C-alpha atoms as a PDB file:
ATOM      1  CA  UNK A   1     175.000  91.454  59.387  1.00  0.00           C
ATOM      2  CA  UNK A   2     172.905  94.090  57.656  1.00  0.00           C
ATOM      3  CA  UNK A   3     173.614  94.525  53.980  1.00  0.00           C
ATOM      4  CA  UNK A   4     173.424  97.689  51.945  1.00  0.00           C
ATOM      5  CA  UNK A   5     170.386  96.316  50.122  1.00  0.00           C
ATOM      6  CA  UNK A   6     168.494  95.780  53.400  1.00  0.00           C
ATOM      7  CA  UNK A   7     169.336  99.305  54.528  1.00  0.00           C
ATOM      8  CA  UNK A   8     168.103 100.710  51.223  1.00  0.00           C
ATOM      9  CA  UNK A   9     164.854  98.737  51.521  1.00  0.00           C
ATOM     10  CA  UNK A  10     164.231 100.040  55.060  1.00  0.00           C
ATOM     11  CA  UNK A  11     164.936 103.618  53.991  1.00  0.00           C
ATOM     12  CA  UNK A  12     162.644 103.254  50.991  1.00  0.00           C
ATOM     13  CA  UNK A  13     159.912 101.780  53.239  1.00  0.00           C
ATOM     14  CA  UNK A  14     160.183 104.755  55.614  1.00  0.00           C
ATOM     15  CA  UNK A  15     159.889 107.152  52.665  1.00  0.00           C
ATOM     16  CA  UNK A  16     156.790 105.339  51.393  1.00  0.00           C
ATOM     17  CA  UNK A  17     155.237 105.362  54.874  1.00  0.00           C
ATOM     18  CA  UNK A  18     155.784 109.120  55.075  1.00  0.00           C
ATOM     19  CA  UNK A  19     154.187 109.634  51.664  1.00  0.00           C
ATOM     20  CA  UNK A  20     151.237 107.453  52.643  1.00  0.00           C
ATOM     21  CA  UNK A  21     150.718 109.409  55.874  1.00  0.00           C
ATOM     22  CA  UNK A  22     150.810 112.665  53.929  1.00  0.00           C
ATOM     23  CA  UNK A  23     148.231 111.402  51.447  1.00  0.00           C
ATOM     24  CA  UNK A  24     145.958 110.250  54.299  1.00  0.00           C
ATOM     25  CA  UNK A  25     146.222 113.669  55.965  1.00  0.00           C
ATOM     26  CA  UNK A  26     145.333 115.343  52.662  1.00  0.00           C
ATOM     27  CA  UNK A  27     142.288 113.103  52.206  1.00  0.00           C
ATOM     28  CA  UNK A  28     141.110 113.861  55.730  1.00  0.00           C
ATOM     29  CA  UNK A  29     141.599 117.588  55.159  1.00  0.00           C
ATOM     30  CA  UNK A  30     139.520 117.408  51.975  1.00  0.00           C
ATOM     31  CA  UNK A  31     136.821 115.533  53.871  1.00  0.00           C
ATOM     32  CA  UNK A  32     136.835 118.203  56.590  1.00  0.00           C
ATOM     33  CA  UNK A  33     136.511 120.939  53.959  1.00  0.00           C
ATOM     34  CA  UNK A  34     133.526 119.154  52.415  1.00  0.00           C
ATOM     35  CA  UNK A  35     131.983 118.704  55.840  1.00  0.00           C
ATOM     36  CA  UNK A  36     132.411 122.395  56.649  1.00  0.00           C
ATOM     37  CA  UNK A  37     130.903 123.403  53.325  1.00  0.00           C
ATOM     38  CA  UNK A  38     127.911 121.088  53.800  1.00  0.00           C
ATOM     39  CA  UNK A  39     127.188 122.024  57.413  1.00  0.00           C
ATOM     40  CA  UNK A  40     128.132 125.702  57.515  1.00  0.00           C
ATOM     41  CA  UNK A  41     124.592 126.793  56.672  1.00  0.00           C
ATOM     42  CA  UNK A  42     121.778 126.632  59.240  1.00  0.00           C
ATOM     43  CA  UNK A  43     119.887 124.064  57.178  1.00  0.00           C
ATOM     44  CA  UNK A  44     123.045 121.979  56.810  1.00  0.00           C
ATOM     45  CA  UNK A  45     123.650 122.197  60.542  1.00  0.00           C
ATOM     46  CA  UNK A  46     120.108 120.979  61.252  1.00  0.00           C
ATOM     47  CA  UNK A  47     120.557 118.159  58.748  1.00  0.00           C
ATOM     48  CA  UNK A  48     123.815 117.128  60.421  1.00  0.00           C
ATOM     49  CA  UNK A  49     122.231 116.945  63.881  1.00  0.00           C
ATOM     50  CA  UNK A  50     119.113 115.173  62.651  1.00  0.00           C
ATOM     51  CA  UNK A  51     121.384 112.502  61.122  1.00  0.00           C
ATOM     52  CA  UNK A  52     123.200 112.249  64.452  1.00  0.00           C
ATOM     53  CA  UNK A  53     119.893 111.902  66.295  1.00  0.00           C
ATOM     54  CA  UNK A  54     118.776 109.170  63.889  1.00  0.00           C
ATOM     55  CA  UNK A  55     122.069 107.354  64.350  1.00  0.00           C
ATOM     56  CA  UNK A  56     121.778 107.639  68.135  1.00  0.00           C
ATOM     57  CA  UNK A  57     118.237 106.222  68.042  1.00  0.00           C
ATOM     58  CA  UNK A  58     119.346 103.305  65.862  1.00  0.00           C
ATOM     59  CA  UNK A  59     122.318 102.651  68.131  1.00  0.00           C
ATOM     60  CA  UNK A  60     120.070 102.690  71.188  1.00  0.00           C
ATOM     61  CA  UNK A  61     117.666 100.258  69.553  1.00  0.00           C
ATOM     62  CA  UNK A  62     120.436  97.877  68.541  1.00  0.00           C
ATOM     63  CA  UNK A  63     121.897  97.988  72.065  1.00  0.00           C
ATOM     64  CA  UNK A  64     118.464  97.208  73.524  1.00  0.00           C
ATOM     65  CA  UNK A  65     118.091  94.212  71.199  1.00  0.00           C
ATOM     66  CA  UNK A  66     121.566  93.004  72.102  1.00  0.00           C
ATOM     67  CA  UNK A  67     120.825  93.373  75.819  1.00  0.00           C
ATOM     68  CA  UNK A  68     117.534  91.510  75.466  1.00  0.00           C
ATOM     69  CA  UNK A  69     119.282  88.615  73.714  1.00  0.00           C
ATOM     70  CA  UNK A  70     121.977  88.525  76.387  1.00  0.00           C
ATOM     71  CA  UNK A  71     119.447  88.544  79.236  1.00  0.00           C
ATOM     72  CA  UNK A  72     117.471  85.758  77.556  1.00  0.00           C
ATOM     73  CA  UNK A  73     120.554  83.609  77.083  1.00  0.00           C
ATOM     74  CA  UNK A  74     121.624  84.212  80.677  1.00  0.00           C
ATOM     75  CA  UNK A  75     118.183  83.266  82.002  1.00  0.00           C
ATOM     76  CA  UNK A  76     118.169  80.059  79.982  1.00  0.00           C
ATOM     77  CA  UNK A  77     121.674  79.052  81.032  1.00  0.00           C
ATOM     78  CA  UNK A  78     122.143  76.073  83.318  1.00  0.00           C
ATOM     79  CA  UNK A  79     124.065  77.998  86.028  1.00  0.00           C
ATOM     80  CA  UNK A  80     121.301  80.601  86.229  1.00  0.00           C
ATOM     81  CA  UNK A  81     118.652  77.891  86.576  1.00  0.00           C
ATOM     82  CA  UNK A  82     120.658  76.172  89.315  1.00  0.00           C
ATOM     83  CA  UNK A  83     121.104  79.469  91.143  1.00  0.00           C
ATOM     84  CA  UNK A  84     117.353  80.109  90.946  1.00  0.00           C
ATOM     85  CA  UNK A  85     116.567  76.690  92.395  1.00  0.00           C
ATOM     86  CA  UNK A  86     119.104  77.149  95.175  1.00  0.00           C
ATOM     87  CA  UNK A  87     117.562  80.521  95.986  1.00  0.00           C
ATOM     88  CA  UNK A  88     114.106  78.923  96.299  1.00  0.00           C
ATOM     89  CA  UNK A  89     115.460  76.213  98.593  1.00  0.00           C
ATOM     90  CA  UNK A  90     117.307  78.753 100.734  1.00  0.00           C
ATOM     91  CA  UNK A  91     114.184  80.917 101.008  1.00  0.00           C
ATOM     92  CA  UNK A  92     112.155  77.927 102.213  1.00  0.00           C
ATOM     93  CA  UNK A  93     114.817  76.999 104.771  1.00  0.00           C
ATOM     94  CA  UNK A  94     114.949  80.562 106.103  1.00  0.00           C
ATOM     95  CA  UNK A  95     111.174  80.662 106.518  1.00  0.00           C
ATOM     96  CA  UNK A  96     111.266  77.338 108.381  1.00  0.00           C
ATOM     97  CA  UNK A  97     114.073  78.540 110.638  1.00  0.00           C
ATOM     98  CA  UNK A  98     112.206  81.766 111.413  1.00  0.00           C
ATOM     99  CA  UNK A  99     109.103  79.779 112.347  1.00  0.00           C
ATOM    100  CA  UNK A 100     111.155  77.490 114.611  1.00  0.00           C
ATOM    101  CA  UNK A 101     112.789  80.428 116.364  1.00  0.00           C
ATOM    102  CA  UNK A 102     109.433  82.157 116.823  1.00  0.00           C
ATOM    103  CA  UNK A 103     107.920  78.995 118.354  1.00  0.00           C
ATOM    104  CA  UNK A 104     110.949  78.431 120.583  1.00  0.00           C
ATOM    105  CA  UNK A 105     110.768  81.992 121.881  1.00  0.00           C
ATOM    106  CA  UNK A 106     107.066  81.603 122.537  1.00  0.00           C
ATOM    107  CA  UNK A 107     107.667  78.366 124.474  1.00  0.00           C
ATOM    108  CA  UNK A 108     110.410  80.007 126.528  1.00  0.00           C
ATOM    109  CA  UNK A 109     108.110  82.872 127.435  1.00  0.00           C
ATOM    110  CA  UNK A 110     105.462  80.415 128.634  1.00  0.00           C
ATOM    111  CA  UNK A 111     108.053  78.473 130.674  1.00  0.00           C
ATOM    112  CA  UNK A 112     109.272  81.722 132.203  1.00  0.00           C
ATOM    113  CA  UNK A 113     105.773  82.767 133.170  1.00  0.00           C
ATOM    114  CA  UNK A 114     104.963  79.426 134.781  1.00  0.00           C
ATOM    115  CA  UNK A 115     108.275  79.432 136.683  1.00  0.00           C
ATOM    116  CA  UNK A 116     107.558  82.934 137.944  1.00  0.00           C
ATOM    117  CA  UNK A 117     104.126  81.817 139.200  1.00  0.00           C
ATOM    118  CA  UNK A 118     105.650  78.877 141.054  1.00  0.00           C
ATOM    119  CA  UNK A 119     108.284  81.047 142.729  1.00  0.00           C
ATOM    120  CA  UNK A 120     105.817  83.695 143.862  1.00  0.00           C
END
């Protein structure tokens, strides 16, 4: 059962949440006004975009470092090493099978030629 005190606390909490949201919106609006004032001039606009370009370059560099670390850790992992070894073994087996097939076809051609000579 909900008491009057609990109802009052919930109502008060909703009021505080509304006030907090209003204050946040006001702070953001002030920040937007400062931003507009700083970047409304051509020199401010250039400064804004040069900061963005610097940030993009730093972000790109940090992503490249992160990717390099990830690739290194993947290459050193045991499953990757096992997969590499299995690939080498499979490559060797395929080469051997291709050689066997090539030799078998060559032998069949010779047998066919000799059989044709005997029949004629």
